[in-house]
Amino acid sequence: MTITIARRRTVAVLLVALATVVGCGGDSKDESGGNTSNSGSATKLPMPKGLKGSLIFERNPAMEADQVMRMDLRRGRFEVAADGYDASIGSDNMAFLQLCAPLAVRVAVTDADGFAGPVSECFELDTISPDLYRPKMHPDDRLIAVVNTAIPIPKDELPDTAAARFGIGDNTYAGVQIYDVKDGMVAELRDYGVSEWTRQGQLIATGAGGDVGYGIFKVDTRFKATKRLDDGRINGEILSIDTHPKKDRVVFIYNGQIFEMDLSSGKPKRIHSHGYPLAAVAYSPDGDAIVFVADDPLSEAFETPNTGYNLYVLRDDEVEVLALPFIPGGPLDWVD
């Protein structure tokens, strides 16, 4: 069964980008176009006992631009970290996607002081969902791996047909683009999808079909070669993946369920079946718990009745819900 990557952005949400770009939002902007966080207004919620660290996730407000949220799990306080979405944390800095023009997005990064600066060029958004998603910050804040589902095929690789010559049809492919935060794009991995860095800084990528097929791959440090790590049981798209903070292990969403896999054995093991669609998954900083985003039509926290997602924590074989007053989204990062 092939899993299609879920994108929850609608035309209505994209259309409000104009108001954000022209400065109608509540955050101040620096001269480079980056938004500073309005962290002065934090809200507190009751949390399950024993949780530590902070969660980085996305807020999907109805008819408004998305926001990156940071929530202190011990205190139950959350605040806006940036105007944008699809965020991840490296050592001190955060990578995320930022609106840079009406219906256009780019990869951006914030430092410890909240300054936001662009890393990539602007990419136009599709009318339904963005082609750029899931940027992942390297542990030393130096590199960012981001998925792009609409990379143009080089002209010398296009078929010699009238349609191709006139640009008719889908003349693009999916891949992972590697950006240096100072020097721009430095590498591109064709036919790969969602990815994550290990604690040693090695990229673990998933196959997105095409010539690569599916599965979990280790990428060499020069981004020239890959090695498949799973035992061949993964024959569809992986929706989300995270690397263990202490072990050579990954957790990922595949076939509507959560799996773990030791990179040495290559044998996926199912650890949770939620019963509703899953969107993102991540390890806790100590690796003893897992947080995930899942659909739950019975939740009272949704802004739209019977539609939306919630945050859940899986620890000691028990699932606890983090009931939020808004709809959360992935990807997720759980940091100290």
Protein backbone atom coordinates (compact mmCIF):
# COMPACT_ATOMS: atom_id res chain seq x y z
CA MET A 1 0.00 0.00 0.00
CA THR A 2 1.38 3.39 -1.00
CA ILE A 3 1.02 6.16 1.54
CA THR A 4 0.49 9.62 0.13
CA ILE A 5 2.08 12.42 2.14
CA ALA A 6 -0.71 14.30 3.89
CA ARG A 7 -0.74 18.06 3.36
CA ARG A 8 -3.35 19.93 5.32
CA ARG A 9 -3.04 23.35 3.68
CA THR A 10 -6.07 24.44 1.69
CA VAL A 11 -6.61 27.13 -0.91
CA ALA A 12 -8.25 29.33 1.73
CA VAL A 13 -5.23 29.10 4.01
CA LEU A 14 -2.84 29.90 1.18
CA LEU A 15 -4.79 32.97 0.14
CA VAL A 16 -4.22 34.65 3.50
CA ALA A 17 -0.48 34.62 2.75
CA LEU A 18 -0.90 38.01 1.12
CA ALA A 19 -1.90 39.63 4.39
CA THR A 20 1.08 38.12 6.18
CA VAL A 21 3.63 39.10 3.53
CA VAL A 22 2.50 42.72 3.30
CA GLY A 23 2.85 43.14 7.04
CA CYS A 24 -0.69 42.73 8.39
CA GLY A 25 0.36 40.09 10.92
CA GLY A 26 1.11 40.83 14.56
CA ASP A 27 4.86 40.19 14.48
CA SER A 28 7.57 42.70 13.69
CA LYS A 29 9.82 42.09 10.69
CA ASP A 30 13.50 42.57 10.16
CA GLU A 31 14.92 44.14 7.02
CA SER A 32 15.61 40.75 5.42
CA GLY A 33 11.92 39.87 5.56
CA GLY A 34 12.22 37.52 8.54
CA ASN A 35 9.74 37.57 11.38
CA THR A 36 10.76 37.85 15.00
CA SER A 37 8.76 35.72 17.42
CA ASN A 38 6.06 37.31 19.53
CA SER A 39 7.05 35.21 22.51
CA GLY A 40 5.80 37.76 24.99
CA SER A 41 2.33 36.17 25.13
CA ALA A 42 2.66 32.60 26.38
CA THR A 43 -0.36 30.49 27.31
CA LYS A 44 -0.40 27.73 29.94
CA LEU A 45 -2.14 24.33 29.69
CA PRO A 46 -2.34 21.30 32.01
CA MET A 47 0.20 18.62 31.03
CA PRO A 48 0.67 14.92 31.92
CA LYS A 49 3.15 14.44 34.75
CA GLY A 50 6.79 13.60 34.12
CA LEU A 51 7.19 15.26 30.71
CA LYS A 52 10.30 17.36 30.15
CA GLY A 53 11.77 19.49 27.40
CA SER A 54 10.01 21.45 24.67
CA LEU A 55 7.95 20.48 21.66
CA ILE A 56 8.31 22.27 18.34
CA PHE A 57 5.29 21.87 16.11
CA GLU A 58 2.96 23.69 13.77
CA ARG A 59 -0.28 25.48 14.53
CA ASN A 60 -2.89 25.41 11.76
CA PRO A 61 -5.35 28.21 12.56
CA ALA A 62 -8.46 28.40 10.40
CA MET A 63 -8.16 31.07 7.69
CA GLU A 64 -4.87 32.42 9.05
CA ALA A 65 -1.19 31.94 8.26
CA ASP A 66 0.47 28.98 10.00
CA GLN A 67 2.74 29.48 13.01
CA VAL A 68 5.61 27.53 14.54
CA MET A 69 4.86 26.85 18.21
CA ARG A 70 7.21 26.00 21.08
CA MET A 71 5.66 24.33 24.14
CA ASP A 72 7.35 23.76 27.50
CA LEU A 73 6.06 20.31 28.48
CA ARG A 74 6.84 20.60 32.18
CA ARG A 75 5.15 23.97 32.66
CA GLY A 76 2.49 23.54 29.98
CA ARG A 77 3.33 26.89 28.42
CA PHE A 78 3.39 27.47 24.67
CA GLU A 79 4.33 30.47 22.55
CA VAL A 80 4.84 31.45 18.93
CA ALA A 81 8.42 30.76 17.81
CA ALA A 82 8.07 32.01 14.21
CA ASP A 83 5.54 32.83 11.51
CA GLY A 84 5.80 29.82 9.20
CA TYR A 85 5.57 26.05 9.33
CA ASP A 86 7.47 22.74 9.07
CA ALA A 87 10.11 23.61 11.68
CA SER A 88 13.03 21.60 13.09
CA ILE A 89 15.77 22.37 15.63
CA GLY A 90 19.50 21.73 15.26
CA SER A 91 21.80 22.74 18.11
CA ASP A 92 20.67 26.32 18.71
CA ASN A 93 19.00 27.34 15.46
CA MET A 94 15.68 26.44 13.87
CA ALA A 95 14.92 25.76 10.20
CA PHE A 96 11.40 26.34 8.90
CA LEU A 97 9.41 27.35 5.84
CA GLN A 98 8.56 31.03 5.56
CA LEU A 99 6.21 32.90 3.25
CA CYS A 100 8.29 35.30 1.17
CA ALA A 101 5.70 36.57 -1.35
CA PRO A 102 2.04 35.95 -2.07
CA LEU A 103 1.77 32.18 -2.59
CA ALA A 104 5.53 31.64 -2.39
CA VAL A 105 7.72 30.05 0.29
CA ARG A 106 11.40 29.68 1.12
CA VAL A 107 13.63 27.88 3.61
CA ALA A 108 14.56 30.18 6.51
CA VAL A 109 16.49 29.85 9.76
CA THR A 110 16.26 31.57 13.14
CA ASP A 111 19.11 31.86 15.61
CA ALA A 112 18.99 31.78 19.41
CA ASP A 113 18.02 35.47 19.47
CA GLY A 114 15.00 34.93 17.24
CA PHE A 115 16.46 36.58 14.13
CA ALA A 116 15.02 35.03 10.97
CA GLY A 117 16.97 35.01 7.71
CA PRO A 118 16.43 33.33 4.32
CA VAL A 119 18.47 30.32 3.18
CA SER A 120 16.87 29.41 -0.16
CA GLU A 121 15.24 31.22 -3.04
CA CYS A 122 11.46 31.65 -3.13
CA PHE A 123 9.45 28.76 -4.51
CA GLU A 124 5.93 29.29 -5.82
CA LEU A 125 3.25 27.28 -4.05
CA ASP A 126 0.89 24.94 -5.79
CA THR A 127 -2.74 26.08 -5.68
CA ILE A 128 -3.56 23.31 -3.20
CA SER A 129 -0.35 22.59 -1.29
CA PRO A 130 3.31 23.62 -1.24
CA ASP A 131 5.91 21.64 -3.15
CA LEU A 132 8.54 22.41 -0.50
CA TYR A 133 8.24 20.76 2.90
CA ARG A 134 9.90 19.04 5.89
CA PRO A 135 13.18 21.03 6.25
CA LYS A 136 15.50 19.28 8.75
CA MET A 137 18.31 21.13 10.51
CA HIS A 138 21.72 19.44 10.88
CA PRO A 139 22.86 18.88 14.51
CA ASP A 140 25.55 21.55 14.16
CA ASP A 141 23.17 24.08 12.52
CA ARG A 142 25.24 24.06 9.32
CA LEU A 143 23.06 22.19 6.81
CA ILE A 144 19.35 21.84 6.08
CA ALA A 145 17.76 18.93 4.20
CA VAL A 146 14.40 19.83 2.63
CA VAL A 147 12.01 17.88 0.39
CA ASN A 148 11.03 19.43 -2.95
CA THR A 149 8.40 17.57 -4.97
CA ALA A 150 8.69 19.80 -8.05
CA ILE A 151 12.37 19.93 -9.06
CA PRO A 152 12.61 20.64 -12.81
CA ILE A 153 14.00 17.80 -14.91
CA PRO A 154 17.13 18.97 -16.80
CA LYS A 155 16.37 19.73 -20.45
CA ASP A 156 18.88 17.15 -21.68
CA GLU A 157 16.95 14.46 -19.76
CA LEU A 158 13.52 15.33 -21.12
CA PRO A 159 12.01 12.96 -23.71
CA ASP A 160 12.21 14.24 -27.28
CA THR A 161 8.50 14.87 -27.66
CA ALA A 162 6.48 17.91 -28.64
CA ALA A 163 4.83 17.97 -25.22
CA ALA A 164 8.17 18.06 -23.44
CA ARG A 165 9.57 20.72 -25.77
CA PHE A 166 6.60 22.99 -25.06
CA GLY A 167 6.68 22.31 -21.33
CA ILE A 168 3.43 20.35 -21.32
CA GLY A 169 2.99 17.68 -18.68
CA ASP A 170 4.74 17.01 -15.38
CA ASN A 171 8.41 17.64 -16.17
CA THR A 172 9.50 17.57 -12.54
CA TYR A 173 10.65 15.02 -9.96
CA ALA A 174 10.80 14.74 -6.18
CA GLY A 175 14.01 14.90 -4.23
CA VAL A 176 15.86 16.09 -1.14
CA GLN A 177 17.83 19.32 -1.49
CA ILE A 178 20.72 20.05 0.89
CA TYR A 179 21.29 23.70 1.78
CA ASP A 180 24.27 25.24 3.51
CA VAL A 181 22.91 28.05 5.69
CA LYS A 182 25.58 30.40 4.28
CA ASP A 183 26.26 29.11 0.77
CA GLY A 184 22.84 27.96 -0.47
CA MET A 185 22.10 24.61 -2.10
CA VAL A 186 25.08 22.23 -2.16
CA ALA A 187 23.55 18.86 -3.14
CA GLU A 188 20.41 17.18 -4.42
CA LEU A 189 19.17 13.60 -3.96
CA ARG A 190 16.75 12.62 -6.69
CA ASP A 191 13.72 10.42 -5.86
CA TYR A 192 14.11 10.69 -2.08
CA GLY A 193 11.54 11.97 0.41
CA VAL A 194 11.31 12.83 4.12
CA SER A 195 14.69 12.64 5.85
CA GLU A 196 16.38 13.15 9.22
CA TRP A 197 19.92 13.58 10.55
CA THR A 198 21.45 11.19 13.07
CA ARG A 199 23.13 12.53 16.20
CA GLN A 200 26.48 12.10 14.38
CA GLY A 201 25.26 14.24 11.49
CA GLN A 202 24.59 11.53 8.88
CA LEU A 203 21.49 11.87 6.74
CA ILE A 204 18.89 9.10 6.78
CA ALA A 205 16.56 9.44 3.79
CA THR A 206 13.44 7.61 2.64
CA GLY A 207 12.69 6.51 -0.89
CA ALA A 208 9.94 8.41 -2.70
CA GLY A 209 9.46 6.02 -5.61
CA GLY A 210 10.90 6.61 -9.06
CA ASP A 211 14.23 4.94 -9.82
CA VAL A 212 15.05 4.64 -6.11
CA GLY A 213 11.87 2.90 -5.06
CA TYR A 214 10.95 2.92 -1.37
CA GLY A 215 12.70 2.11 1.89
CA ILE A 216 15.13 3.70 4.36
CA PHE A 217 18.59 4.73 3.14
CA LYS A 218 21.86 5.94 4.65
CA VAL A 219 23.42 8.81 2.70
CA ASP A 220 27.19 9.25 2.56
CA THR A 221 28.71 12.45 3.92
CA ARG A 222 29.30 13.88 0.42
CA PHE A 223 25.67 13.18 -0.60
CA LYS A 224 26.83 11.15 -3.58
CA ALA A 225 25.79 7.59 -2.68
CA THR A 226 23.15 5.83 -0.60
CA LYS A 227 22.77 2.40 0.98
CA ARG A 228 19.41 0.79 1.67
CA LEU A 229 19.07 -0.20 5.33
CA ASP A 230 15.67 -1.88 5.62
CA ASP A 231 15.14 -5.55 4.74
CA GLY A 232 12.87 -4.84 1.78
CA ARG A 233 9.59 -4.93 3.69
CA ILE A 234 8.94 -1.24 3.12
CA ASN A 235 7.23 -0.98 -0.24
CA GLY A 236 5.41 2.33 0.11
CA GLU A 237 6.00 5.94 1.07
CA ILE A 238 7.09 6.83 4.61
CA LEU A 239 5.20 9.81 5.95
CA SER A 240 7.51 10.93 8.80
CA ILE A 241 10.80 9.72 10.28
CA ASP A 242 13.00 10.59 13.28
CA THR A 243 16.33 9.29 14.53
CA HIS A 244 16.93 8.10 18.11
CA PRO A 245 19.00 10.55 20.22
CA LYS A 246 21.19 7.79 21.71
CA LYS A 247 20.85 4.63 19.58
CA ASP A 248 21.20 3.77 15.89
CA ARG A 249 17.44 3.50 15.53
CA VAL A 250 14.62 5.29 13.73
CA VAL A 251 10.90 5.71 14.32
CA PHE A 252 8.64 6.31 11.35
CA ILE A 253 5.07 6.32 10.06
CA TYR A 254 4.35 3.74 7.39
CA ASN A 255 1.13 2.14 6.22
CA GLY A 256 -0.84 4.20 8.75
CA GLN A 257 1.10 2.85 11.75
CA ILE A 258 4.18 3.71 13.83
CA PHE A 259 7.27 1.52 13.42
CA GLU A 260 10.76 1.42 14.89
CA MET A 261 13.82 -0.05 13.19
CA ASP A 262 17.40 -0.64 14.34
CA LEU A 263 19.61 0.57 11.52
CA SER A 264 21.95 -2.41 11.97
CA SER A 265 19.26 -5.10 11.66
CA GLY A 266 17.03 -3.40 9.09
CA LYS A 267 13.91 -5.11 10.45
CA PRO A 268 10.94 -2.78 11.06
CA LYS A 269 8.86 -3.46 14.16
CA ARG A 270 5.37 -2.06 14.59
CA ILE A 271 4.99 -0.32 17.96
CA HIS A 272 1.63 1.45 17.69
CA SER A 273 -1.58 1.37 15.67
CA HIS A 274 -3.62 4.46 16.44
CA GLY A 275 -6.76 3.85 14.40
CA TYR A 276 -6.85 7.32 12.85
CA PRO A 277 -4.56 8.97 10.25
CA LEU A 278 -1.06 9.85 11.49
CA ALA A 279 0.85 12.96 10.40
CA ALA A 280 4.22 13.15 12.23
CA VAL A 281 6.36 11.37 14.84
CA ALA A 282 9.44 12.19 16.96
CA TYR A 283 11.52 10.84 19.85
CA SER A 284 11.87 12.52 23.23
CA PRO A 285 15.36 13.88 24.05
CA ASP A 286 16.17 10.76 26.12
CA GLY A 287 14.59 8.38 23.59
CA ASP A 288 12.23 6.85 26.19
CA ALA A 289 9.03 8.35 24.75
CA ILE A 290 7.55 9.18 21.37
CA VAL A 291 5.28 12.06 20.40
CA PHE A 292 3.04 11.93 17.36
CA VAL A 293 0.33 13.91 15.60
CA ALA A 294 -2.83 12.02 14.71
CA ASP A 295 -6.34 12.73 13.56
CA ASP A 296 -9.01 12.40 16.23
CA PRO A 297 -12.52 13.39 15.11
CA LEU A 298 -13.88 13.05 18.67
CA SER A 299 -11.63 15.74 20.18
CA GLU A 300 -13.24 18.92 21.50
CA ALA A 301 -10.09 20.95 20.85
CA PHE A 302 -10.70 21.40 17.14
CA GLU A 303 -11.47 24.75 15.57
CA THR A 304 -13.52 22.98 12.88
CA PRO A 305 -15.95 20.24 14.07
CA ASN A 306 -14.89 16.66 13.25
CA THR A 307 -11.71 17.69 11.46
CA GLY A 308 -8.25 18.22 12.88
CA TYR A 309 -5.34 16.65 14.71
CA ASN A 310 -4.08 16.24 18.25
CA LEU A 311 -0.72 15.63 19.93
CA TYR A 312 -0.13 12.29 21.68
CA VAL A 313 2.72 10.91 23.78
CA LEU A 314 3.56 7.18 23.72
CA ARG A 315 5.58 6.01 26.75
CA ASP A 316 5.65 2.74 28.69
CA ASP A 317 3.18 1.28 26.15
CA GLU A 318 0.55 3.88 27.12
CA VAL A 319 -0.78 6.77 25.04
CA GLU A 320 -1.55 10.17 26.59
CA VAL A 321 -3.22 13.03 24.76
CA LEU A 322 -1.98 16.61 24.94
CA ALA A 323 -5.28 18.41 24.43
CA LEU A 324 -4.55 21.76 22.79
CA PRO A 325 -6.96 24.64 22.11
CA PHE A 326 -5.91 24.64 18.44
CA ILE A 327 -5.06 22.18 15.68
CA PRO A 328 -1.39 21.07 15.77
CA GLY A 329 0.56 19.77 12.81
CA GLY A 330 3.89 18.24 11.98
CA PRO A 331 6.76 17.84 11.57
CA LEU A 332 7.70 17.52 15.24
CA ASP A 333 10.86 18.11 17.25
CA TRP A 334 11.20 17.28 20.95
CA VAL A 335 14.20 19.09 22.42
CA ASP A 336 15.76 19.65 25.88
